[in-house]
Amino acid sequence: MNLGEQEKYTKVLKQMIDDTESNKIQTAEELIQKLIKELTVSKELSESY
């Protein structure tokens, strides 16, 4: 994992934490679904380069 990927994943995790704390995400299922979506989009973008 390079530094760019690490920063990207750190940003995603910070967003998940913020959304959980602000009650935008209220269940573990919502958290998992959003995390999968974010990582899938992130992976698709990185593969297109």
Protein backbone atom coordinates (compact mmCIF):
# COMPACT_ATOMS: atom_id res chain seq x y z
CA MET A 1 0.00 0.00 0.00
CA ASN A 2 1.47 3.32 -1.00
CA LEU A 3 1.08 6.64 0.79
CA GLY A 4 -1.70 7.84 -1.54
CA GLU A 5 -3.80 4.76 -0.85
CA GLN A 6 -3.20 5.09 2.86
CA GLU A 7 -4.36 8.72 2.82
CA LYS A 8 -7.45 7.77 0.80
CA TYR A 9 -8.42 5.02 3.27
CA THR A 10 -7.76 7.31 6.23
CA LYS A 11 -10.11 9.88 4.70
CA VAL A 12 -12.82 7.24 4.15
CA LEU A 13 -12.54 6.01 7.73
CA LYS A 14 -12.66 9.56 9.14
CA GLN A 15 -15.83 10.19 7.09
CA MET A 16 -17.40 6.99 8.45
CA ILE A 17 -16.57 8.05 12.03
CA ASP A 18 -17.96 11.56 11.46
CA ASP A 19 -21.16 10.17 9.91
CA THR A 20 -21.59 7.77 12.83
CA GLU A 21 -21.05 10.49 15.44
CA SER A 22 -23.48 12.85 13.70
CA ASN A 23 -26.10 10.07 13.46
CA LYS A 24 -26.07 10.02 9.66
CA ILE A 25 -25.20 6.33 10.14
CA GLN A 26 -27.27 4.73 12.87
CA THR A 27 -26.72 0.98 12.51
CA ALA A 28 -23.79 -1.34 11.92
CA GLU A 29 -25.49 -2.47 8.70
CA GLU A 30 -25.60 1.10 7.37
CA LEU A 31 -21.94 1.54 8.28
CA ILE A 32 -20.91 -1.65 6.50
CA GLN A 33 -22.97 -0.83 3.40
CA LYS A 34 -21.50 2.67 3.16
CA LEU A 35 -17.98 1.41 3.74
CA ILE A 36 -18.35 -1.23 1.01
CA LYS A 37 -19.71 1.41 -1.37
CA GLU A 38 -16.85 3.82 -0.64
CA LEU A 39 -14.19 1.14 -1.03
CA THR A 40 -15.75 -0.20 -4.24
CA VAL A 41 -15.85 3.26 -5.81
CA SER A 42 -12.32 3.91 -4.62
CA LYS A 43 -11.06 0.64 -6.10
CA GLU A 44 -12.85 1.23 -9.42
CA LEU A 45 -11.28 4.69 -9.69
CA SER A 46 -7.79 3.41 -8.94
CA GLU A 47 -8.13 0.59 -11.49
CA SER A 48 -9.18 3.03 -14.21
CA TYR A 49 -5.82 4.85 -14.04
